[in-house]
Amino acid sequence: MRLGEGDINSDRVLDAAHRAAELRFLAGLDGVTCRGNQMDSAGRAGVLVSANRGLGPHPSLGDLGRESLLVDPQTGEILALGGDDATGAD
């Protein structure tokens, strides 16, 4: 998974400084795209960040969709994560 943030955050409770470091790291990766402000299905506003699946050191052939995170811009907390669109509006 290119945006392994969801895995890290589901396994551990991170403080704001560690969440910020994770997001800075993601921002520097090729292929990670900020898709602007979005709302999830619960009505929470956040910034949608995504990356295409199948990229990285061992690229896959074909379109495998995207991994997406919806991030609270104030706290850095992940509001939603998922496939092509983490907002719940796949």
C-alpha atoms as a PDB file:
ATOM      1  CA  MET A   1       0.000   0.000   0.000  1.00  0.00           C
ATOM      2  CA  ARG A   2       1.518   3.273  -1.077  1.00  0.00           C
ATOM      3  CA  LEU A   3      -0.247   5.310   1.597  1.00  0.00           C
ATOM      4  CA  GLY A   4       0.618   3.079   4.549  1.00  0.00           C
ATOM      5  CA  GLU A   5      -0.454   5.861   6.872  1.00  0.00           C
ATOM      6  CA  GLY A   6      -3.723   4.100   7.569  1.00  0.00           C
ATOM      7  CA  ASP A   7      -1.866   0.993   8.684  1.00  0.00           C
ATOM      8  CA  ILE A   8       0.395   2.956  11.017  1.00  0.00           C
ATOM      9  CA  ASN A   9      -2.481   4.944  12.497  1.00  0.00           C
ATOM     10  CA  SER A  10      -4.695   1.896  13.012  1.00  0.00           C
ATOM     11  CA  ASP A  11      -1.936   0.083  14.918  1.00  0.00           C
ATOM     12  CA  ARG A  12      -0.792   2.986  17.110  1.00  0.00           C
ATOM     13  CA  VAL A  13      -2.097   6.190  18.605  1.00  0.00           C
ATOM     14  CA  LEU A  14       0.155   8.927  17.270  1.00  0.00           C
ATOM     15  CA  ASP A  15       0.559  12.382  18.734  1.00  0.00           C
ATOM     16  CA  ALA A  16       0.302  15.488  16.555  1.00  0.00           C
ATOM     17  CA  ALA A  17       4.071  15.746  15.991  1.00  0.00           C
ATOM     18  CA  HIS A  18       4.285  12.184  14.653  1.00  0.00           C
ATOM     19  CA  ARG A  19       1.192  12.643  12.448  1.00  0.00           C
ATOM     20  CA  ALA A  20       2.757  15.819  11.029  1.00  0.00           C
ATOM     21  CA  ALA A  21       6.023  13.964  10.318  1.00  0.00           C
ATOM     22  CA  GLU A  22       4.113  11.204   8.518  1.00  0.00           C
ATOM     23  CA  LEU A  23       2.264  13.703   6.359  1.00  0.00           C
ATOM     24  CA  ARG A  24       5.466  15.590   5.506  1.00  0.00           C
ATOM     25  CA  PHE A  25       7.014  12.288   4.454  1.00  0.00           C
ATOM     26  CA  LEU A  26       4.014  11.461   2.261  1.00  0.00           C
ATOM     27  CA  ALA A  27       4.105  14.902   0.670  1.00  0.00           C
ATOM     28  CA  GLY A  28       7.612  14.194  -0.603  1.00  0.00           C
ATOM     29  CA  LEU A  29       6.769  10.916  -2.339  1.00  0.00           C
ATOM     30  CA  ASP A  30       6.401  10.767  -6.103  1.00  0.00           C
ATOM     31  CA  GLY A  31       2.852   9.989  -7.143  1.00  0.00           C
ATOM     32  CA  VAL A  32       1.156  11.236  -3.974  1.00  0.00           C
ATOM     33  CA  THR A  33      -1.417  13.852  -4.898  1.00  0.00           C
ATOM     34  CA  CYS A  34      -3.401  16.330  -2.841  1.00  0.00           C
ATOM     35  CA  ARG A  35      -6.911  16.335  -4.288  1.00  0.00           C
ATOM     36  CA  GLY A  36      -8.190  19.288  -2.304  1.00  0.00           C
ATOM     37  CA  ASN A  37     -10.889  19.719   0.291  1.00  0.00           C
ATOM     38  CA  GLN A  38     -13.549  17.016   0.494  1.00  0.00           C
ATOM     39  CA  MET A  39     -16.168  15.768   2.913  1.00  0.00           C
ATOM     40  CA  ASP A  40     -16.645  12.170   3.988  1.00  0.00           C
ATOM     41  CA  SER A  41     -19.979  10.377   4.248  1.00  0.00           C
ATOM     42  CA  ALA A  42     -20.264  11.525   7.893  1.00  0.00           C
ATOM     43  CA  GLY A  43     -19.989  15.176   6.812  1.00  0.00           C
ATOM     44  CA  ARG A  44     -16.473  15.749   8.147  1.00  0.00           C
ATOM     45  CA  ALA A  45     -14.295  18.101   6.114  1.00  0.00           C
ATOM     46  CA  GLY A  46     -10.734  17.174   5.296  1.00  0.00           C
ATOM     47  CA  VAL A  47      -8.018  17.178   2.666  1.00  0.00           C
ATOM     48  CA  LEU A  48      -8.050  14.184   0.310  1.00  0.00           C
ATOM     49  CA  VAL A  49      -4.615  12.704  -0.437  1.00  0.00           C
ATOM     50  CA  SER A  50      -4.180   9.788  -2.831  1.00  0.00           C
ATOM     51  CA  ALA A  51      -1.691   7.655  -4.742  1.00  0.00           C
ATOM     52  CA  ASN A  52      -2.204   5.165  -7.547  1.00  0.00           C
ATOM     53  CA  ARG A  53      -1.911   1.497  -6.578  1.00  0.00           C
ATOM     54  CA  GLY A  54       0.698  -0.611  -8.291  1.00  0.00           C
ATOM     55  CA  LEU A  55       3.445   2.009  -8.312  1.00  0.00           C
ATOM     56  CA  GLY A  56       6.684   1.935  -6.388  1.00  0.00           C
ATOM     57  CA  PRO A  57       9.702  -0.351  -6.532  1.00  0.00           C
ATOM     58  CA  HIS A  58       7.757  -3.176  -8.234  1.00  0.00           C
ATOM     59  CA  PRO A  59       5.161  -1.528 -10.497  1.00  0.00           C
ATOM     60  CA  SER A  60       2.149  -3.515 -11.616  1.00  0.00           C
ATOM     61  CA  LEU A  61       0.665  -3.412 -15.058  1.00  0.00           C
ATOM     62  CA  GLY A  62      -2.762  -1.891 -15.530  1.00  0.00           C
ATOM     63  CA  ASP A  63      -4.973   0.446 -13.588  1.00  0.00           C
ATOM     64  CA  LEU A  64      -5.322  -0.785 -10.029  1.00  0.00           C
ATOM     65  CA  GLY A  65      -7.185   2.239  -8.695  1.00  0.00           C
ATOM     66  CA  ARG A  66      -6.042   4.536  -5.915  1.00  0.00           C
ATOM     67  CA  GLU A  67      -5.443   4.468  -2.189  1.00  0.00           C
ATOM     68  CA  SER A  68      -6.862   7.552  -0.493  1.00  0.00           C
ATOM     69  CA  LEU A  69      -6.761   9.242   2.894  1.00  0.00           C
ATOM     70  CA  LEU A  70      -9.020  12.015   4.109  1.00  0.00           C
ATOM     71  CA  VAL A  71      -6.990  14.032   6.620  1.00  0.00           C
ATOM     72  CA  ASP A  72      -8.198  16.649   9.091  1.00  0.00           C
ATOM     73  CA  PRO A  73      -6.143  19.734   8.149  1.00  0.00           C
ATOM     74  CA  GLN A  74      -6.109  21.064  11.725  1.00  0.00           C
ATOM     75  CA  THR A  75      -5.068  17.919  13.618  1.00  0.00           C
ATOM     76  CA  GLY A  76      -3.547  15.645  10.957  1.00  0.00           C
ATOM     77  CA  GLU A  77      -5.874  12.853  12.061  1.00  0.00           C
ATOM     78  CA  ILE A  78      -7.068  10.450   9.395  1.00  0.00           C
ATOM     79  CA  LEU A  79     -10.813  10.829   9.064  1.00  0.00           C
ATOM     80  CA  ALA A  80     -11.264   8.147   6.415  1.00  0.00           C
ATOM     81  CA  LEU A  81      -9.185   5.826   4.285  1.00  0.00           C
ATOM     82  CA  GLY A  82      -9.965   3.505   1.489  1.00  0.00           C
ATOM     83  CA  GLY A  83      -9.947   2.679  -2.167  1.00  0.00           C
ATOM     84  CA  ASP A  84     -10.480   5.050  -5.026  1.00  0.00           C
ATOM     85  CA  ASP A  85     -12.125   7.714  -2.859  1.00  0.00           C
ATOM     86  CA  ALA A  86     -11.860   7.771   0.936  1.00  0.00           C
ATOM     87  CA  THR A  87     -14.817  10.134   1.214  1.00  0.00           C
ATOM     88  CA  GLY A  88     -17.276   7.254   1.003  1.00  0.00           C
ATOM     89  CA  ALA A  89     -18.573   8.343  -2.375  1.00  0.00           C
ATOM     90  CA  ASP A  90     -16.649   5.728  -4.404  1.00  0.00           C
END
